């Protein structure tokens, strides 16, 4: 998962970014009779964040060189659903991310892009991530990808995984061979 996302959602927002006005109207995906549309239940809170630095990767130490996210742009849509007491019970997040990873020693670059959705269930502490979280490819050199579906438990343990999850399994240093 992209760094910091879970913590930011739990804290109620994303800091250091341009936020669009809040839309407190019910989300279009809700159907009549769903719990979030019952009388007395607060409507879902829809927030849009642009260019949040929290989605840029941290510097990656590759031993003899460092990789840094040298440019990025992103759009993060967050819809938070509440129970009758006004407490958040789940959140859906959709992320579109474009960036550039740079080997600071050689200047070699790699496109960084992502398009994924996260579903947080605050009641059971799970996070379900679907889509392309990481995808790096250099023809004839290699591929590092996190895509498909993965469910994390309350202690960040993997409960279910389908697809390729190189970064989850190996950490960010899985990217190093692509920028040597």
N, C-alpha and C. Protein backbone atom coordinates (compact mmCIF):
# COMPACT_ATOMS: atom_id res chain seq x y z
N UNK A 1 0.84 -1.17 0.00
CA UNK A 1 0.00 0.00 0.00
C UNK A 1 0.88 1.23 0.00
N UNK A 2 0.41 2.29 -0.59
CA UNK A 2 1.14 3.54 -0.60
C UNK A 2 1.33 3.99 0.84
N UNK A 3 2.46 4.55 1.18
CA UNK A 3 2.74 4.92 2.56
C UNK A 3 1.72 5.90 3.12
N UNK A 4 1.45 5.80 4.39
CA UNK A 4 0.73 6.77 5.20
C UNK A 4 -0.78 6.74 5.03
N UNK A 5 -1.29 6.11 3.99
CA UNK A 5 -2.72 6.20 3.70
C UNK A 5 -3.59 5.81 4.88
N UNK A 6 -3.37 4.64 5.47
CA UNK A 6 -4.21 4.19 6.57
C UNK A 6 -4.22 5.13 7.74
N UNK A 7 -3.06 5.63 8.10
CA UNK A 7 -2.96 6.56 9.22
C UNK A 7 -3.70 7.84 8.92
N UNK A 8 -3.56 8.36 7.70
CA UNK A 8 -4.23 9.60 7.34
C UNK A 8 -5.74 9.47 7.39
N UNK A 9 -6.25 8.36 6.90
CA UNK A 9 -7.69 8.17 6.93
C UNK A 9 -8.19 8.09 8.37
N UNK A 10 -7.47 7.36 9.21
CA UNK A 10 -7.87 7.25 10.61
C UNK A 10 -7.85 8.59 11.32
N UNK A 11 -6.95 9.47 10.92
CA UNK A 11 -6.87 10.79 11.53
C UNK A 11 -7.90 11.76 10.96
N UNK A 12 -8.61 11.32 9.93
CA UNK A 12 -9.71 12.12 9.43
C UNK A 12 -9.38 13.01 8.25
N UNK A 13 -8.27 12.79 7.60
CA UNK A 13 -7.99 13.60 6.41
C UNK A 13 -6.56 13.50 5.98
N UNK A 14 -6.26 14.19 4.91
CA UNK A 14 -4.92 14.21 4.35
C UNK A 14 -4.38 15.63 4.51
N UNK A 15 -3.19 15.74 5.07
CA UNK A 15 -2.60 17.05 5.31
C UNK A 15 -1.61 17.41 4.22
N UNK A 16 -1.35 18.70 4.05
CA UNK A 16 -0.33 19.15 3.13
C UNK A 16 -0.74 19.06 1.68
N UNK A 17 -2.03 19.12 1.39
CA UNK A 17 -2.47 19.01 0.01
C UNK A 17 -3.57 20.03 -0.24
N UNK A 18 -3.96 20.16 -1.50
CA UNK A 18 -5.05 21.04 -1.88
C UNK A 18 -6.34 20.24 -1.77
N UNK A 19 -7.25 20.66 -0.91
CA UNK A 19 -8.50 19.92 -0.74
C UNK A 19 -9.63 20.67 -1.42
N UNK A 20 -10.46 19.94 -2.13
CA UNK A 20 -11.65 20.52 -2.74
C UNK A 20 -12.71 20.69 -1.67
N UNK A 21 -13.71 21.50 -1.93
CA UNK A 21 -14.78 21.65 -0.93
C UNK A 21 -15.41 20.30 -0.60
N UNK A 22 -15.85 20.16 0.63
CA UNK A 22 -16.46 18.92 1.08
C UNK A 22 -17.87 18.82 0.54
N UNK A 23 -18.22 17.63 0.09
CA UNK A 23 -19.56 17.33 -0.41
C UNK A 23 -20.19 16.36 0.59
N UNK A 24 -21.11 16.84 1.40
CA UNK A 24 -21.72 15.99 2.42
C UNK A 24 -22.98 15.29 1.92
N UNK A 25 -23.26 15.36 0.62
CA UNK A 25 -24.45 14.69 0.11
C UNK A 25 -24.23 13.19 0.05
N UNK A 26 -25.30 12.39 0.10
CA UNK A 26 -25.14 10.94 0.02
C UNK A 26 -24.44 10.54 -1.28
N UNK A 27 -23.58 9.55 -1.17
CA UNK A 27 -22.84 9.07 -2.35
C UNK A 27 -23.79 8.37 -3.30
N UNK A 28 -23.51 8.49 -4.58
CA UNK A 28 -24.38 7.91 -5.60
C UNK A 28 -24.43 6.38 -5.52
N UNK A 29 -23.41 5.77 -4.93
CA UNK A 29 -23.36 4.31 -4.89
C UNK A 29 -24.28 3.71 -3.82
N UNK A 30 -24.86 4.53 -2.96
CA UNK A 30 -25.74 4.01 -1.93
C UNK A 30 -27.12 3.74 -2.51
N UNK A 31 -27.75 2.71 -2.03
CA UNK A 31 -29.08 2.37 -2.50
C UNK A 31 -30.10 2.63 -1.40
N UNK A 32 -31.35 2.89 -1.78
CA UNK A 32 -32.37 3.09 -0.76
C UNK A 32 -32.44 1.90 0.19
N UNK A 33 -32.57 2.19 1.47
CA UNK A 33 -32.64 1.13 2.47
C UNK A 33 -31.29 0.75 3.04
N UNK A 34 -30.19 1.25 2.45
CA UNK A 34 -28.88 0.93 3.01
C UNK A 34 -28.73 1.65 4.34
N UNK A 35 -27.92 1.10 5.26
CA UNK A 35 -27.81 1.68 6.59
C UNK A 35 -27.45 3.16 6.59
N UNK A 36 -26.63 3.60 5.64
CA UNK A 36 -26.20 5.00 5.66
C UNK A 36 -27.31 5.96 5.25
N UNK A 37 -28.43 5.46 4.73
CA UNK A 37 -29.52 6.34 4.34
C UNK A 37 -30.68 6.33 5.34
N UNK A 38 -30.53 5.59 6.43
CA UNK A 38 -31.59 5.56 7.45
C UNK A 38 -31.71 6.92 8.12
N UNK A 39 -32.89 7.22 8.60
CA UNK A 39 -33.11 8.47 9.31
C UNK A 39 -32.19 8.53 10.52
N UNK A 40 -31.56 9.66 10.75
CA UNK A 40 -30.70 9.84 11.91
C UNK A 40 -29.24 9.49 11.65
N UNK A 41 -28.97 8.81 10.56
CA UNK A 41 -27.58 8.49 10.24
C UNK A 41 -26.99 9.64 9.44
N UNK A 42 -25.83 10.16 9.86
CA UNK A 42 -25.22 11.25 9.09
C UNK A 42 -24.90 10.78 7.67
N UNK A 43 -25.04 11.68 6.70
CA UNK A 43 -24.74 11.30 5.33
C UNK A 43 -23.23 11.06 5.17
N UNK A 44 -22.84 10.33 4.15
CA UNK A 44 -21.41 10.13 3.90
C UNK A 44 -20.71 11.46 3.65
N UNK A 45 -19.46 11.53 4.02
CA UNK A 45 -18.64 12.72 3.80
C UNK A 45 -17.72 12.44 2.62
N UNK A 46 -17.82 13.24 1.57
CA UNK A 46 -16.98 13.07 0.37
C UNK A 46 -15.95 14.19 0.34
N UNK A 47 -14.68 13.80 0.27
CA UNK A 47 -13.60 14.77 0.21
C UNK A 47 -12.70 14.43 -0.98
N UNK A 48 -12.15 15.46 -1.60
CA UNK A 48 -11.21 15.30 -2.70
C UNK A 48 -9.93 16.03 -2.35
N UNK A 49 -8.81 15.33 -2.46
CA UNK A 49 -7.51 15.90 -2.16
C UNK A 49 -6.64 15.84 -3.40
N UNK A 50 -5.91 16.91 -3.66
CA UNK A 50 -5.06 16.99 -4.84
C UNK A 50 -3.60 17.20 -4.43
N UNK A 51 -2.72 16.50 -5.09
CA UNK A 51 -1.27 16.69 -4.93
C UNK A 51 -0.80 16.56 -3.49
N UNK A 52 -1.22 15.50 -2.85
CA UNK A 52 -0.83 15.22 -1.47
C UNK A 52 0.55 14.57 -1.44
N UNK A 53 1.53 15.17 -0.80
CA UNK A 53 2.87 14.58 -0.76
C UNK A 53 2.94 13.26 0.00
N UNK A 54 1.91 12.91 0.75
CA UNK A 54 1.92 11.65 1.50
C UNK A 54 1.92 10.44 0.58
N UNK A 55 1.49 10.61 -0.67
CA UNK A 55 1.45 9.47 -1.59
C UNK A 55 2.75 9.29 -2.36
N UNK A 56 3.66 10.26 -2.28
CA UNK A 56 4.98 10.08 -2.88
C UNK A 56 5.75 9.08 -2.01
N UNK A 57 6.55 8.25 -2.65
CA UNK A 57 7.32 7.26 -1.90
C UNK A 57 8.38 7.94 -1.04
N UNK A 58 8.73 7.34 0.08
CA UNK A 58 9.86 7.86 0.85
C UNK A 58 11.14 7.57 0.08
N UNK A 59 12.24 8.25 0.43
CA UNK A 59 13.52 7.90 -0.19
C UNK A 59 13.80 6.42 0.04
N UNK A 60 14.33 5.77 -1.00
CA UNK A 60 14.62 4.33 -0.93
C UNK A 60 16.13 4.15 -0.96
N UNK A 61 16.69 3.58 0.09
CA UNK A 61 18.13 3.33 0.18
C UNK A 61 18.43 2.01 -0.52
N UNK A 62 19.16 2.09 -1.63
CA UNK A 62 19.52 0.91 -2.41
C UNK A 62 20.97 0.49 -2.18
N UNK A 63 21.55 0.92 -1.09
CA UNK A 63 22.92 0.55 -0.77
C UNK A 63 23.92 1.52 -1.36
N UNK A 64 24.12 1.47 -2.68
CA UNK A 64 25.09 2.35 -3.34
C UNK A 64 24.44 3.60 -3.93
N UNK A 65 23.13 3.68 -3.90
CA UNK A 65 22.43 4.86 -4.41
C UNK A 65 21.07 4.98 -3.72
N UNK A 66 20.46 6.15 -3.89
CA UNK A 66 19.15 6.43 -3.31
C UNK A 66 18.17 6.76 -4.43
N UNK A 67 16.94 6.24 -4.28
CA UNK A 67 15.86 6.57 -5.21
C UNK A 67 14.94 7.57 -4.51
N UNK A 68 14.56 8.62 -5.25
CA UNK A 68 13.65 9.63 -4.70
C UNK A 68 12.53 9.89 -5.70
N UNK A 69 11.33 10.11 -5.18
CA UNK A 69 10.18 10.52 -6.00
C UNK A 69 10.41 12.01 -6.28
N UNK A 70 10.82 12.34 -7.52
CA UNK A 70 11.23 13.72 -7.81
C UNK A 70 10.10 14.59 -8.35
N UNK A 71 9.01 13.99 -8.76
CA UNK A 71 7.84 14.78 -9.13
C UNK A 71 6.61 13.88 -9.03
N UNK A 72 5.47 14.48 -8.77
CA UNK A 72 4.24 13.69 -8.67
C UNK A 72 3.03 14.60 -8.78
N UNK A 73 1.92 13.99 -9.14
CA UNK A 73 0.61 14.63 -9.03
C UNK A 73 -0.37 13.51 -8.68
N UNK A 74 -1.37 13.85 -7.91
CA UNK A 74 -2.34 12.83 -7.54
C UNK A 74 -3.70 13.44 -7.27
N UNK A 75 -4.68 12.57 -7.30
CA UNK A 75 -6.04 12.91 -6.91
C UNK A 75 -6.52 11.77 -6.02
N UNK A 76 -7.02 12.14 -4.85
CA UNK A 76 -7.50 11.16 -3.88
C UNK A 76 -8.94 11.52 -3.52
N UNK A 77 -9.86 10.60 -3.80
CA UNK A 77 -11.27 10.77 -3.43
C UNK A 77 -11.54 9.89 -2.22
N UNK A 78 -12.09 10.48 -1.17
CA UNK A 78 -12.38 9.76 0.07
C UNK A 78 -13.85 9.92 0.40
N UNK A 79 -14.54 8.80 0.60
CA UNK A 79 -15.93 8.83 1.08
C UNK A 79 -15.94 8.09 2.41
N UNK A 80 -16.36 8.78 3.46
CA UNK A 80 -16.43 8.20 4.80
C UNK A 80 -17.89 8.01 5.18
N UNK A 81 -18.20 6.80 5.66
CA UNK A 81 -19.57 6.44 6.07
C UNK A 81 -19.62 6.35 7.59
N UNK A 82 -20.76 6.77 8.16
CA UNK A 82 -20.92 6.87 9.60
C UNK A 82 -22.06 6.00 10.11
N UNK A 83 -22.01 5.65 11.40
CA UNK A 83 -23.13 4.97 12.04
C UNK A 83 -24.08 6.01 12.62
N UNK A 84 -25.14 5.55 13.29
CA UNK A 84 -26.13 6.46 13.86
C UNK A 84 -25.55 7.41 14.89
N UNK A 85 -24.46 7.01 15.54
CA UNK A 85 -23.82 7.86 16.55
C UNK A 85 -22.86 8.87 15.93
N UNK A 86 -22.72 8.84 14.59
CA UNK A 86 -21.83 9.78 13.92
C UNK A 86 -20.38 9.34 13.87
N UNK A 87 -20.12 8.09 14.27
CA UNK A 87 -18.75 7.57 14.24
C UNK A 87 -18.46 6.96 12.88
N UNK A 88 -17.24 7.16 12.34
CA UNK A 88 -16.93 6.54 11.05
C UNK A 88 -16.88 5.02 11.19
N UNK A 89 -17.52 4.31 10.25
CA UNK A 89 -17.51 2.85 10.27
C UNK A 89 -16.77 2.26 9.08
N UNK A 90 -16.73 3.00 7.98
CA UNK A 90 -15.95 2.54 6.83
C UNK A 90 -15.64 3.73 5.95
N UNK A 91 -14.63 3.53 5.10
CA UNK A 91 -14.24 4.57 4.15
C UNK A 91 -13.82 3.91 2.86
N UNK A 92 -14.12 4.58 1.77
CA UNK A 92 -13.67 4.13 0.44
C UNK A 92 -12.78 5.24 -0.10
N UNK A 93 -11.63 4.82 -0.61
CA UNK A 93 -10.64 5.77 -1.13
C UNK A 93 -10.27 5.34 -2.54
N UNK A 94 -10.27 6.29 -3.45
CA UNK A 94 -9.78 6.01 -4.80
C UNK A 94 -8.61 6.95 -5.09
N UNK A 95 -7.50 6.38 -5.58
CA UNK A 95 -6.28 7.14 -5.81
C UNK A 95 -5.86 7.03 -7.27
N UNK A 96 -5.57 8.15 -7.88
CA UNK A 96 -4.94 8.24 -9.20
C UNK A 96 -3.62 8.97 -8.96
N UNK A 97 -2.50 8.34 -9.31
CA UNK A 97 -1.18 8.90 -8.99
C UNK A 97 -0.26 8.80 -10.20
N UNK A 98 0.49 9.87 -10.47
CA UNK A 98 1.53 9.90 -11.50
C UNK A 98 2.77 10.50 -10.87
N UNK A 99 3.92 9.86 -11.07
CA UNK A 99 5.15 10.40 -10.51
C UNK A 99 6.36 9.94 -11.30
N UNK A 100 7.52 10.39 -10.85
CA UNK A 100 8.80 10.00 -11.46
C UNK A 100 9.75 9.63 -10.33
N UNK A 101 10.30 8.40 -10.41
CA UNK A 101 11.33 7.96 -9.48
C UNK A 101 12.68 8.22 -10.12
N UNK A 102 13.63 8.73 -9.34
CA UNK A 102 14.95 9.08 -9.88
C UNK A 102 16.06 8.47 -9.04
N UNK A 103 17.02 7.83 -9.71
CA UNK A 103 18.26 7.39 -9.06
C UNK A 103 19.08 8.66 -8.89
N UNK A 104 19.31 9.08 -7.65
CA UNK A 104 19.99 10.35 -7.39
C UNK A 104 21.46 10.33 -7.79
N UNK A 105 22.06 9.16 -7.96
CA UNK A 105 23.46 9.07 -8.37
C UNK A 105 23.64 9.16 -9.88
N UNK A 106 22.73 8.55 -10.64
CA UNK A 106 22.89 8.49 -12.10
C UNK A 106 21.91 9.37 -12.85
N UNK A 107 20.83 9.77 -12.22
CA UNK A 107 19.80 10.54 -12.90
C UNK A 107 18.82 9.68 -13.68
N UNK A 108 19.01 8.38 -13.69
CA UNK A 108 18.10 7.47 -14.39
C UNK A 108 16.72 7.57 -13.75
N UNK A 109 15.67 7.58 -14.58
CA UNK A 109 14.32 7.76 -14.06
C UNK A 109 13.41 6.60 -14.45
N UNK A 110 12.30 6.52 -13.74
CA UNK A 110 11.31 5.48 -13.95
C UNK A 110 9.94 6.09 -13.67
N UNK A 111 9.00 5.85 -14.56
CA UNK A 111 7.63 6.34 -14.38
C UNK A 111 6.99 5.61 -13.21
N UNK A 112 6.30 6.36 -12.36
CA UNK A 112 5.57 5.80 -11.22
C UNK A 112 4.11 6.17 -11.41
N UNK A 113 3.26 5.17 -11.54
CA UNK A 113 1.84 5.45 -11.68
C UNK A 113 1.04 4.43 -10.88
N UNK A 114 -0.13 4.87 -10.45
CA UNK A 114 -0.99 3.99 -9.67
C UNK A 114 -2.45 4.41 -9.89
N UNK A 115 -3.32 3.42 -9.83
CA UNK A 115 -4.77 3.65 -9.85
C UNK A 115 -5.38 2.52 -9.04
N UNK A 116 -5.82 2.82 -7.84
CA UNK A 116 -6.33 1.77 -6.96
C UNK A 116 -7.41 2.31 -6.04
N UNK A 117 -8.14 1.38 -5.46
CA UNK A 117 -9.18 1.72 -4.48
C UNK A 117 -8.91 0.97 -3.19
N UNK A 118 -9.12 1.64 -2.09
CA UNK A 118 -9.00 1.04 -0.76
C UNK A 118 -10.36 1.10 -0.08
N UNK A 119 -10.71 0.03 0.61
CA UNK A 119 -11.92 0.01 1.43
C UNK A 119 -11.50 -0.29 2.86
N UNK A 120 -11.69 0.67 3.75
CA UNK A 120 -11.36 0.51 5.16
C UNK A 120 -12.62 0.15 5.92
N UNK A 121 -12.56 -0.90 6.72
CA UNK A 121 -13.66 -1.25 7.62
C UNK A 121 -13.15 -0.99 9.03
N UNK A 122 -13.61 0.11 9.63
CA UNK A 122 -13.10 0.51 10.94
C UNK A 122 -13.61 -0.40 12.06
N UNK A 123 -14.70 -1.13 11.81
CA UNK A 123 -15.24 -2.03 12.83
C UNK A 123 -14.35 -3.25 13.01
N UNK A 124 -13.90 -3.87 11.91
CA UNK A 124 -13.05 -5.06 12.06
C UNK A 124 -11.57 -4.79 11.79
N UNK A 125 -11.24 -3.54 11.42
CA UNK A 125 -9.84 -3.17 11.25
C UNK A 125 -9.20 -3.64 9.96
N UNK A 126 -9.99 -4.00 8.95
CA UNK A 126 -9.42 -4.51 7.71
C UNK A 126 -9.32 -3.41 6.65
N UNK A 127 -8.39 -3.64 5.73
CA UNK A 127 -8.21 -2.80 4.56
C UNK A 127 -8.18 -3.71 3.35
N UNK A 128 -9.05 -3.46 2.39
CA UNK A 128 -9.06 -4.21 1.14
C UNK A 128 -8.59 -3.26 0.04
N UNK A 129 -7.51 -3.66 -0.63
CA UNK A 129 -6.94 -2.82 -1.68
C UNK A 129 -7.09 -3.54 -3.02
N UNK A 130 -7.60 -2.82 -4.02
CA UNK A 130 -7.86 -3.39 -5.34
C UNK A 130 -7.32 -2.45 -6.40
N UNK A 131 -6.59 -3.01 -7.36
CA UNK A 131 -6.10 -2.20 -8.48
C UNK A 131 -4.60 -2.27 -8.60
N UNK A 132 -4.02 -1.24 -9.19
CA UNK A 132 -2.58 -1.16 -9.42
C UNK A 132 -1.99 -0.14 -8.45
N UNK A 133 -1.34 -0.64 -7.40
CA UNK A 133 -0.73 0.24 -6.40
C UNK A 133 0.68 0.64 -6.83
N UNK A 134 1.42 -0.31 -7.38
CA UNK A 134 2.76 -0.07 -7.90
C UNK A 134 2.90 -0.84 -9.21
N UNK A 135 3.52 -0.21 -10.21
CA UNK A 135 3.78 -0.92 -11.47
C UNK A 135 4.97 -0.25 -12.15
N UNK A 136 6.10 -0.94 -12.12
CA UNK A 136 7.33 -0.43 -12.71
C UNK A 136 7.85 -1.48 -13.69
N UNK A 137 8.13 -1.03 -14.93
CA UNK A 137 8.58 -1.98 -15.94
C UNK A 137 9.65 -1.32 -16.80
N UNK A 138 10.74 -2.04 -16.99
CA UNK A 138 11.76 -1.65 -17.96
C UNK A 138 11.90 -2.84 -18.91
N UNK A 139 11.61 -2.63 -20.21
CA UNK A 139 11.68 -3.75 -21.15
C UNK A 139 13.02 -4.49 -21.08
N UNK A 140 12.94 -5.79 -21.05
CA UNK A 140 14.10 -6.70 -21.02
C UNK A 140 14.93 -6.59 -19.75
N UNK A 141 14.44 -5.83 -18.77
CA UNK A 141 15.19 -5.70 -17.52
C UNK A 141 14.40 -6.21 -16.32
N UNK A 142 13.10 -5.95 -16.29
CA UNK A 142 12.33 -6.45 -15.16
C UNK A 142 11.01 -5.74 -14.95
N UNK A 143 10.26 -6.31 -14.06
CA UNK A 143 8.95 -5.79 -13.70
C UNK A 143 8.79 -5.92 -12.19
N UNK A 144 8.33 -4.84 -11.57
CA UNK A 144 7.96 -4.87 -10.15
C UNK A 144 6.53 -4.36 -10.10
N UNK A 145 5.64 -5.16 -9.51
CA UNK A 145 4.23 -4.76 -9.53
C UNK A 145 3.53 -5.18 -8.24
N UNK A 146 2.62 -4.33 -7.82
CA UNK A 146 1.63 -4.67 -6.82
C UNK A 146 0.29 -4.38 -7.48
N UNK A 147 -0.41 -5.44 -7.85
CA UNK A 147 -1.71 -5.25 -8.47
C UNK A 147 -2.59 -6.46 -8.15
N UNK A 148 -3.87 -6.27 -8.31
CA UNK A 148 -4.82 -7.32 -7.97
C UNK A 148 -5.62 -6.91 -6.76
N UNK A 149 -5.80 -7.86 -5.86
CA UNK A 149 -6.58 -7.60 -4.64
C UNK A 149 -5.81 -8.16 -3.45
N UNK A 150 -5.77 -7.39 -2.38
CA UNK A 150 -5.11 -7.84 -1.16
C UNK A 150 -5.90 -7.30 0.03
N UNK A 151 -6.05 -8.14 1.05
CA UNK A 151 -6.76 -7.74 2.27
C UNK A 151 -5.78 -7.80 3.43
N UNK A 152 -5.66 -6.67 4.13
CA UNK A 152 -4.80 -6.58 5.31
C UNK A 152 -5.67 -6.63 6.56
N UNK A 153 -5.17 -7.32 7.59
CA UNK A 153 -5.86 -7.38 8.87
C UNK A 153 -5.50 -6.21 9.76
N UNK A 154 -6.02 -6.18 10.97
CA UNK A 154 -5.81 -5.06 11.89
C UNK A 154 -4.34 -4.80 12.24
N UNK A 155 -3.50 -5.82 12.14
CA UNK A 155 -2.08 -5.66 12.45
C UNK A 155 -1.23 -5.62 11.19
N UNK A 156 -1.84 -5.23 10.06
CA UNK A 156 -1.19 -5.14 8.76
C UNK A 156 -0.77 -6.49 8.20
N UNK A 157 -1.30 -7.59 8.76
CA UNK A 157 -1.00 -8.92 8.23
C UNK A 157 -1.86 -9.17 6.99
N UNK A 158 -1.32 -9.92 6.03
CA UNK A 158 -2.05 -10.23 4.81
C UNK A 158 -3.01 -11.37 5.10
N UNK A 159 -4.31 -11.11 4.92
CA UNK A 159 -5.34 -12.12 5.13
C UNK A 159 -5.68 -12.84 3.82
N UNK A 160 -5.56 -12.14 2.70
CA UNK A 160 -5.86 -12.71 1.38
C UNK A 160 -5.09 -11.92 0.34
N UNK A 161 -4.59 -12.61 -0.68
CA UNK A 161 -3.90 -11.92 -1.77
C UNK A 161 -4.15 -12.65 -3.08
N UNK A 162 -4.47 -11.89 -4.11
CA UNK A 162 -4.59 -12.41 -5.47
C UNK A 162 -3.91 -11.40 -6.38
N UNK A 163 -3.04 -11.88 -7.25
CA UNK A 163 -2.29 -10.99 -8.12
C UNK A 163 -0.84 -10.94 -7.70
N UNK A 164 -0.12 -9.99 -8.21
CA UNK A 164 1.30 -9.81 -7.92
C UNK A 164 1.46 -8.75 -6.83
N UNK A 165 2.29 -9.04 -5.82
CA UNK A 165 2.47 -8.10 -4.71
C UNK A 165 3.94 -8.02 -4.32
N UNK A 166 4.78 -7.63 -5.29
CA UNK A 166 6.23 -7.57 -5.08
C UNK A 166 6.64 -6.62 -3.96
N UNK A 167 6.05 -5.42 -3.93
CA UNK A 167 6.44 -4.43 -2.92
C UNK A 167 5.96 -4.87 -1.54
N UNK A 168 4.76 -5.43 -1.45
CA UNK A 168 4.27 -5.93 -0.16
C UNK A 168 5.20 -7.03 0.36
N UNK A 169 5.62 -7.92 -0.53
CA UNK A 169 6.45 -9.06 -0.12
C UNK A 169 7.91 -8.71 0.10
N UNK A 170 8.47 -7.78 -0.69
CA UNK A 170 9.91 -7.49 -0.64
C UNK A 170 10.25 -6.11 -0.10
N UNK A 171 9.29 -5.23 0.00
CA UNK A 171 9.57 -3.86 0.41
C UNK A 171 9.94 -3.00 -0.79
N UNK A 172 10.15 -1.71 -0.53
CA UNK A 172 10.44 -0.77 -1.61
C UNK A 172 11.77 -1.05 -2.30
N UNK A 173 12.67 -1.76 -1.64
CA UNK A 173 13.96 -2.05 -2.29
C UNK A 173 13.79 -3.00 -3.49
N UNK A 174 12.62 -3.58 -3.68
CA UNK A 174 12.36 -4.39 -4.89
C UNK A 174 12.50 -3.54 -6.14
N UNK A 175 12.39 -2.22 -6.00
CA UNK A 175 12.48 -1.30 -7.13
C UNK A 175 13.94 -1.04 -7.52
N UNK A 176 14.89 -1.21 -6.60
CA UNK A 176 16.28 -0.85 -6.82
C UNK A 176 16.89 -1.43 -8.10
N UNK A 177 16.72 -2.72 -8.41
CA UNK A 177 17.34 -3.27 -9.61
C UNK A 177 16.90 -2.58 -10.91
N UNK A 178 15.72 -1.97 -10.91
CA UNK A 178 15.23 -1.32 -12.12
C UNK A 178 15.92 0.00 -12.39
N UNK A 179 16.56 0.59 -11.38
CA UNK A 179 17.21 1.89 -11.55
C UNK A 179 18.73 1.83 -11.33
N UNK A 180 19.33 0.65 -11.47
CA UNK A 180 20.79 0.54 -11.31
C UNK A 180 21.49 1.03 -12.56
